[in-house]
Amino acid sequence: MDRPPAMFIADSLGLDFLNSVATPVDTPVDWLDDGEGLVDWLAQAKLVPADELGALKARAMPGELDNVAGQARALREWFRGFVQAHAGRPLTAKALHELGPLNDVLERDEAFRQIVPRSGEQGDGLALLRMRRWRSPESLLLPIGEALAKFVCEEDFSDVKACEGHNCTMLFADHTRRRARRWCTMAICGNRAKQAAHRSRLKSRQ
């Protein structure tokens, strides 16, 4: 199916993963509804190198990527329940017993470190880089699990909010100075709210 570009508006990749199913305009979109969608979303999120994605697609058996997309959707909805249960207050160590499904994903990882040429502004030299073995399509769940784990361990759950837009299901981490963010984006729900308020004012004057 034709999908609009994925939306990364949450200021947290873990929440952006939850927002991979949403209603950005009027029609619900699930960016992970099949294997092709999962691969596209991972590419847009820059969670998997493009060459590794291409290699995994080339050697995947029929239906294998669709199966992994189903696992990703199940992980997404489990994590949504966890986030919604704890949003609005700091997460404590007591929540650890609820995180078994996420730890199960993380323990499958085959990560290692490799010495590689340094690139960028630091000039010529060597750097120690974290690498990962992408042995099967199921390994696509590993960077997602890592993003969710970073969110759990590094984000203040007090800052997690739901967009106030009508029918909007998007979540975000409010990192604004006064924690006053209300919308997923001003371009979508913020403008809709402004237009609705304007119409309401005009109607009240009539």
C-alpha atoms as a PDB file:
ATOM      1  CA  MET A   1       0.000   0.000   0.000  1.00  0.00           C
ATOM      2  CA  ASP A   2       1.020   3.640  -0.424  1.00  0.00           C
ATOM      3  CA  ARG A   3       1.944   5.132   2.910  1.00  0.00           C
ATOM      4  CA  PRO A   4       2.883   8.704   3.734  1.00  0.00           C
ATOM      5  CA  PRO A   5       6.362   9.151   5.210  1.00  0.00           C
ATOM      6  CA  ALA A   6       6.618   7.922   8.788  1.00  0.00           C
ATOM      7  CA  MET A   7       6.277  10.587  11.468  1.00  0.00           C
ATOM      8  CA  PHE A   8       9.055  11.176  13.977  1.00  0.00           C
ATOM      9  CA  ILE A   9       7.597  13.880  16.196  1.00  0.00           C
ATOM     10  CA  ALA A  10       7.841  12.408  19.699  1.00  0.00           C
ATOM     11  CA  ASP A  11      11.328  13.660  20.626  1.00  0.00           C
ATOM     12  CA  SER A  12      11.983  10.044  21.601  1.00  0.00           C
ATOM     13  CA  LEU A  13      12.518   7.131  19.243  1.00  0.00           C
ATOM     14  CA  GLY A  14      10.779   4.771  21.669  1.00  0.00           C
ATOM     15  CA  LEU A  15       7.592   6.829  21.450  1.00  0.00           C
ATOM     16  CA  ASP A  16       8.018   7.278  17.701  1.00  0.00           C
ATOM     17  CA  PHE A  17       7.787   3.494  17.501  1.00  0.00           C
ATOM     18  CA  LEU A  18       4.425   3.639  19.289  1.00  0.00           C
ATOM     19  CA  ASN A  19       3.375   6.341  16.832  1.00  0.00           C
ATOM     20  CA  SER A  20       4.061   3.975  13.918  1.00  0.00           C
ATOM     21  CA  VAL A  21       0.302   3.482  13.931  1.00  0.00           C
ATOM     22  CA  ALA A  22      -1.631   6.751  13.917  1.00  0.00           C
ATOM     23  CA  THR A  23      -4.206   8.910  12.196  1.00  0.00           C
ATOM     24  CA  PRO A  24      -2.080  11.824  10.986  1.00  0.00           C
ATOM     25  CA  VAL A  25      -4.865  13.358   8.893  1.00  0.00           C
ATOM     26  CA  ASP A  26      -8.170  11.505   8.656  1.00  0.00           C
ATOM     27  CA  THR A  27      -7.213   7.961   7.683  1.00  0.00           C
ATOM     28  CA  PRO A  28      -5.494   5.553  10.105  1.00  0.00           C
ATOM     29  CA  VAL A  29      -2.051   4.430   8.930  1.00  0.00           C
ATOM     30  CA  ASP A  30      -0.066   1.488  10.267  1.00  0.00           C
ATOM     31  CA  TRP A  31       3.494   1.822   9.012  1.00  0.00           C
ATOM     32  CA  LEU A  32       4.234  -1.722  10.260  1.00  0.00           C
ATOM     33  CA  ASP A  33       1.273  -3.470   8.662  1.00  0.00           C
ATOM     34  CA  ASP A  34       3.532  -5.786   6.658  1.00  0.00           C
ATOM     35  CA  GLY A  35       7.183  -6.692   6.227  1.00  0.00           C
ATOM     36  CA  GLU A  36       7.775  -4.034   3.588  1.00  0.00           C
ATOM     37  CA  GLY A  37       6.345  -1.411   5.917  1.00  0.00           C
ATOM     38  CA  LEU A  38       8.600  -2.531   8.769  1.00  0.00           C
ATOM     39  CA  VAL A  39      11.680  -2.309   6.556  1.00  0.00           C
ATOM     40  CA  ASP A  40      10.654   1.158   5.322  1.00  0.00           C
ATOM     41  CA  TRP A  41      10.032   2.395   8.865  1.00  0.00           C
ATOM     42  CA  LEU A  42      13.400   1.097  10.086  1.00  0.00           C
ATOM     43  CA  ALA A  43      15.105   2.794   7.148  1.00  0.00           C
ATOM     44  CA  GLN A  44      13.394   6.120   7.879  1.00  0.00           C
ATOM     45  CA  ALA A  45      14.241   5.784  11.571  1.00  0.00           C
ATOM     46  CA  LYS A  46      17.873   5.074  10.595  1.00  0.00           C
ATOM     47  CA  LEU A  47      17.905   2.122  12.972  1.00  0.00           C
ATOM     48  CA  VAL A  48      19.402  -0.367  10.510  1.00  0.00           C
ATOM     49  CA  PRO A  49      22.074   0.328   7.872  1.00  0.00           C
ATOM     50  CA  ALA A  50      20.573   0.437   4.375  1.00  0.00           C
ATOM     51  CA  ASP A  51      22.904  -2.271   3.060  1.00  0.00           C
ATOM     52  CA  GLU A  52      21.903  -4.632   5.876  1.00  0.00           C
ATOM     53  CA  LEU A  53      18.211  -4.003   5.196  1.00  0.00           C
ATOM     54  CA  GLY A  54      18.744  -4.794   1.534  1.00  0.00           C
ATOM     55  CA  ALA A  55      20.636  -7.992   2.339  1.00  0.00           C
ATOM     56  CA  LEU A  56      17.969  -9.170   4.792  1.00  0.00           C
ATOM     57  CA  LYS A  57      15.199  -8.508   2.268  1.00  0.00           C
ATOM     58  CA  ALA A  58      17.093 -10.406  -0.431  1.00  0.00           C
ATOM     59  CA  ARG A  59      17.542 -13.571   1.613  1.00  0.00           C
ATOM     60  CA  ALA A  60      14.244 -13.558   3.536  1.00  0.00           C
ATOM     61  CA  MET A  61      11.891 -16.457   2.850  1.00  0.00           C
ATOM     62  CA  PRO A  62       8.349 -15.646   1.610  1.00  0.00           C
ATOM     63  CA  GLY A  63       6.252 -14.356   4.498  1.00  0.00           C
ATOM     64  CA  GLU A  64       9.232 -14.128   6.871  1.00  0.00           C
ATOM     65  CA  LEU A  65       9.342 -10.332   7.007  1.00  0.00           C
ATOM     66  CA  ASP A  66       5.554 -10.180   7.382  1.00  0.00           C
ATOM     67  CA  ASN A  67       5.901 -12.477  10.400  1.00  0.00           C
ATOM     68  CA  VAL A  68       8.528 -10.206  11.948  1.00  0.00           C
ATOM     69  CA  ALA A  69       6.262  -7.201  11.311  1.00  0.00           C
ATOM     70  CA  GLY A  70       3.556  -9.035  13.268  1.00  0.00           C
ATOM     71  CA  GLN A  71       5.996  -9.501  16.144  1.00  0.00           C
ATOM     72  CA  ALA A  72       6.879  -5.810  15.964  1.00  0.00           C
ATOM     73  CA  ARG A  73       3.198  -4.833  16.164  1.00  0.00           C
ATOM     74  CA  ALA A  74       2.698  -7.121  19.170  1.00  0.00           C
ATOM     75  CA  LEU A  75       5.746  -5.566  20.869  1.00  0.00           C
ATOM     76  CA  ARG A  76       4.414  -2.105  20.049  1.00  0.00           C
ATOM     77  CA  GLU A  77       1.007  -2.723  21.619  1.00  0.00           C
ATOM     78  CA  TRP A  78       2.508  -4.375  24.705  1.00  0.00           C
ATOM     79  CA  PHE A  79       4.826  -1.379  25.136  1.00  0.00           C
ATOM     80  CA  ARG A  80       1.951   1.055  24.586  1.00  0.00           C
ATOM     81  CA  GLY A  81       0.137  -0.500  27.538  1.00  0.00           C
ATOM     82  CA  PHE A  82       3.275  -0.231  29.669  1.00  0.00           C
ATOM     83  CA  VAL A  83       3.820   3.437  28.775  1.00  0.00           C
ATOM     84  CA  GLN A  84       0.188   4.386  29.308  1.00  0.00           C
ATOM     85  CA  ALA A  85       0.187   2.668  32.694  1.00  0.00           C
ATOM     86  CA  HIS A  86       3.218   4.643  33.880  1.00  0.00           C
ATOM     87  CA  ALA A  87       2.985   7.971  32.034  1.00  0.00           C
ATOM     88  CA  GLY A  88       2.777  11.101  34.143  1.00  0.00           C
ATOM     89  CA  ARG A  89       5.056  10.014  36.971  1.00  0.00           C
ATOM     90  CA  PRO A  90       8.689   8.928  37.324  1.00  0.00           C
ATOM     91  CA  LEU A  91       9.348   5.280  36.580  1.00  0.00           C
ATOM     92  CA  THR A  92      10.764   3.323  39.507  1.00  0.00           C
ATOM     93  CA  ALA A  93      12.644   0.028  39.816  1.00  0.00           C
ATOM     94  CA  LYS A  94       9.352  -1.620  40.819  1.00  0.00           C
ATOM     95  CA  ALA A  95       8.400  -1.604  37.122  1.00  0.00           C
ATOM     96  CA  LEU A  96      11.201  -4.033  36.265  1.00  0.00           C
ATOM     97  CA  HIS A  97       8.995  -7.105  36.703  1.00  0.00           C
ATOM     98  CA  GLU A  98       6.740  -5.799  33.907  1.00  0.00           C
ATOM     99  CA  LEU A  99       9.578  -5.532  31.406  1.00  0.00           C
ATOM    100  CA  GLY A 100      10.123  -9.232  30.735  1.00  0.00           C
ATOM    101  CA  PRO A 101       8.950  -9.074  27.085  1.00  0.00           C
ATOM    102  CA  LEU A 102      11.450  -6.299  26.359  1.00  0.00           C
ATOM    103  CA  ASN A 103      14.338  -8.065  28.081  1.00  0.00           C
ATOM    104  CA  ASP A 104      13.463 -11.186  26.079  1.00  0.00           C
ATOM    105  CA  VAL A 105      14.070  -9.219  22.869  1.00  0.00           C
ATOM    106  CA  LEU A 106      17.284  -7.641  24.150  1.00  0.00           C
ATOM    107  CA  GLU A 107      18.885 -10.932  25.158  1.00  0.00           C
ATOM    108  CA  ARG A 108      18.775 -12.162  21.535  1.00  0.00           C
ATOM    109  CA  ASP A 109      21.310  -9.531  20.487  1.00  0.00           C
ATOM    110  CA  GLU A 110      24.618 -10.434  18.878  1.00  0.00           C
ATOM    111  CA  ALA A 111      26.426  -7.144  19.269  1.00  0.00           C
ATOM    112  CA  PHE A 112      30.191  -6.718  19.263  1.00  0.00           C
ATOM    113  CA  ARG A 113      32.757  -3.940  18.930  1.00  0.00           C
ATOM    114  CA  GLN A 114      35.049  -3.389  15.975  1.00  0.00           C
ATOM    115  CA  ILE A 115      38.011  -1.080  15.352  1.00  0.00           C
ATOM    116  CA  VAL A 116      37.243   1.008  12.261  1.00  0.00           C
ATOM    117  CA  PRO A 117      38.672   4.117  10.564  1.00  0.00           C
ATOM    118  CA  ARG A 118      37.541   7.269  12.288  1.00  0.00           C
ATOM    119  CA  SER A 119      35.429   9.569  10.169  1.00  0.00           C
ATOM    120  CA  GLY A 120      34.127  13.065  10.520  1.00  0.00           C
ATOM    121  CA  GLU A 121      35.669  16.192  11.993  1.00  0.00           C
ATOM    122  CA  GLN A 122      38.011  14.312  14.334  1.00  0.00           C
ATOM    123  CA  GLY A 123      40.407  13.636  11.506  1.00  0.00           C
ATOM    124  CA  ASP A 124      42.414  10.574  10.577  1.00  0.00           C
ATOM    125  CA  GLY A 125      42.686   7.737  13.084  1.00  0.00           C
ATOM    126  CA  LEU A 126      40.827   4.774  14.534  1.00  0.00           C
ATOM    127  CA  ALA A 127      37.595   4.426  16.483  1.00  0.00           C
ATOM    128  CA  LEU A 128      35.857   1.667  18.414  1.00  0.00           C
ATOM    129  CA  LEU A 129      32.407   1.112  16.912  1.00  0.00           C
ATOM    130  CA  ARG A 130      29.535  -1.007  18.137  1.00  0.00           C
ATOM    131  CA  MET A 131      28.387  -3.461  15.460  1.00  0.00           C
ATOM    132  CA  ARG A 132      25.612  -6.039  15.206  1.00  0.00           C
ATOM    133  CA  ARG A 133      25.221  -9.331  13.347  1.00  0.00           C
ATOM    134  CA  TRP A 134      22.036  -9.275  11.265  1.00  0.00           C
ATOM    135  CA  ARG A 135      21.616 -13.040  10.929  1.00  0.00           C
ATOM    136  CA  SER A 136      17.870 -13.249  10.281  1.00  0.00           C
ATOM    137  CA  PRO A 137      14.824 -11.017   9.717  1.00  0.00           C
ATOM    138  CA  GLU A 138      14.014 -11.350  13.445  1.00  0.00           C
ATOM    139  CA  SER A 139      17.195  -9.384  14.185  1.00  0.00           C
ATOM    140  CA  LEU A 140      15.264  -6.327  12.936  1.00  0.00           C
ATOM    141  CA  LEU A 141      13.532  -6.321  16.319  1.00  0.00           C
ATOM    142  CA  LEU A 142      16.850  -5.739  18.127  1.00  0.00           C
ATOM    143  CA  PRO A 143      17.348  -2.012  17.398  1.00  0.00           C
ATOM    144  CA  ILE A 144      13.677  -1.449  18.200  1.00  0.00           C
ATOM    145  CA  GLY A 145      14.129  -3.188  21.547  1.00  0.00           C
ATOM    146  CA  GLU A 146      17.222  -1.107  22.193  1.00  0.00           C
ATOM    147  CA  ALA A 147      15.327   2.124  21.460  1.00  0.00           C
ATOM    148  CA  LEU A 148      12.541   1.086  23.840  1.00  0.00           C
ATOM    149  CA  ALA A 149      15.059   0.141  26.545  1.00  0.00           C
ATOM    150  CA  LYS A 150      16.816   3.505  26.236  1.00  0.00           C
ATOM    151  CA  PHE A 151      13.462   5.232  26.559  1.00  0.00           C
ATOM    152  CA  VAL A 152      12.616   3.234  29.714  1.00  0.00           C
ATOM    153  CA  CYS A 153      15.991   3.899  31.343  1.00  0.00           C
ATOM    154  CA  GLU A 154      16.704   7.473  30.237  1.00  0.00           C
ATOM    155  CA  GLU A 155      13.352   9.233  29.828  1.00  0.00           C
ATOM    156  CA  ASP A 156      11.385  10.867  32.640  1.00  0.00           C
ATOM    157  CA  PHE A 157       7.930   9.308  32.347  1.00  0.00           C
ATOM    158  CA  SER A 158       6.537  12.484  33.905  1.00  0.00           C
ATOM    159  CA  ASP A 159       7.186  14.138  30.535  1.00  0.00           C
ATOM    160  CA  VAL A 160       5.202  11.594  28.501  1.00  0.00           C
ATOM    161  CA  LYS A 161       2.025  13.127  27.113  1.00  0.00           C
ATOM    162  CA  ALA A 162      -0.738  12.278  24.672  1.00  0.00           C
ATOM    163  CA  CYS A 163      -1.587  14.769  21.951  1.00  0.00           C
ATOM    164  CA  GLU A 164      -4.725  16.729  22.820  1.00  0.00           C
ATOM    165  CA  GLY A 165      -5.923  16.662  19.216  1.00  0.00           C
ATOM    166  CA  HIS A 166      -9.359  15.202  18.515  1.00  0.00           C
ATOM    167  CA  ASN A 167      -9.000  11.480  17.725  1.00  0.00           C
ATOM    168  CA  CYS A 168      -5.190  11.774  17.719  1.00  0.00           C
ATOM    169  CA  THR A 169      -3.410   8.817  19.318  1.00  0.00           C
ATOM    170  CA  MET A 170       0.146  10.123  19.182  1.00  0.00           C
ATOM    171  CA  LEU A 171       2.382  10.260  22.239  1.00  0.00           C
ATOM    172  CA  PHE A 172       5.409  12.475  22.780  1.00  0.00           C
ATOM    173  CA  ALA A 173       8.008  13.419  25.388  1.00  0.00           C
ATOM    174  CA  ASP A 174       7.497  17.040  26.381  1.00  0.00           C
ATOM    175  CA  HIS A 175      10.975  18.528  26.635  1.00  0.00           C
ATOM    176  CA  THR A 176       9.836  22.136  26.274  1.00  0.00           C
ATOM    177  CA  ARG A 177      11.086  24.554  28.889  1.00  0.00           C
ATOM    178  CA  ARG A 178       7.770  24.911  30.704  1.00  0.00           C
ATOM    179  CA  ARG A 179       6.448  21.464  29.776  1.00  0.00           C
ATOM    180  CA  ALA A 180       3.644  23.229  27.918  1.00  0.00           C
ATOM    181  CA  ARG A 181       3.553  21.169  24.707  1.00  0.00           C
ATOM    182  CA  ARG A 182       0.010  20.043  23.809  1.00  0.00           C
ATOM    183  CA  TRP A 183       0.136  18.753  20.247  1.00  0.00           C
ATOM    184  CA  CYS A 184       1.906  16.088  18.220  1.00  0.00           C
ATOM    185  CA  THR A 185       2.668  18.849  15.699  1.00  0.00           C
ATOM    186  CA  MET A 186       1.369  22.364  15.289  1.00  0.00           C
ATOM    187  CA  ALA A 187       1.024  21.676  11.554  1.00  0.00           C
ATOM    188  CA  ILE A 188      -1.602  19.006  12.161  1.00  0.00           C
ATOM    189  CA  CYS A 189      -3.417  18.980  15.487  1.00  0.00           C
ATOM    190  CA  GLY A 190      -2.291  22.425  16.646  1.00  0.00           C
ATOM    191  CA  ASN A 191      -3.694  24.124  13.550  1.00  0.00           C
ATOM    192  CA  ARG A 192      -6.889  22.084  13.730  1.00  0.00           C
ATOM    193  CA  ALA A 193      -7.423  23.239  17.307  1.00  0.00           C
ATOM    194  CA  LYS A 194      -6.778  26.861  16.322  1.00  0.00           C
ATOM    195  CA  GLN A 195      -9.247  26.620  13.442  1.00  0.00           C
ATOM    196  CA  ALA A 196     -11.870  25.012  15.690  1.00  0.00           C
ATOM    197  CA  ALA A 197     -11.417  27.725  18.308  1.00  0.00           C
ATOM    198  CA  HIS A 198     -11.688  30.403  15.602  1.00  0.00           C
ATOM    199  CA  ARG A 199     -14.921  28.909  14.260  1.00  0.00           C
ATOM    200  CA  SER A 200     -16.286  28.695  17.789  1.00  0.00           C
ATOM    201  CA  ARG A 201     -15.537  32.386  18.406  1.00  0.00           C
ATOM    202  CA  LEU A 202     -17.182  33.394  15.136  1.00  0.00           C
ATOM    203  CA  LYS A 203     -20.239  31.334  15.948  1.00  0.00           C
ATOM    204  CA  SER A 204     -20.564  32.874  19.418  1.00  0.00           C
ATOM    205  CA  ARG A 205     -20.549  36.374  17.906  1.00  0.00           C
ATOM    206  CA  GLN A 206     -23.415  35.627  15.537  1.00  0.00           C
END
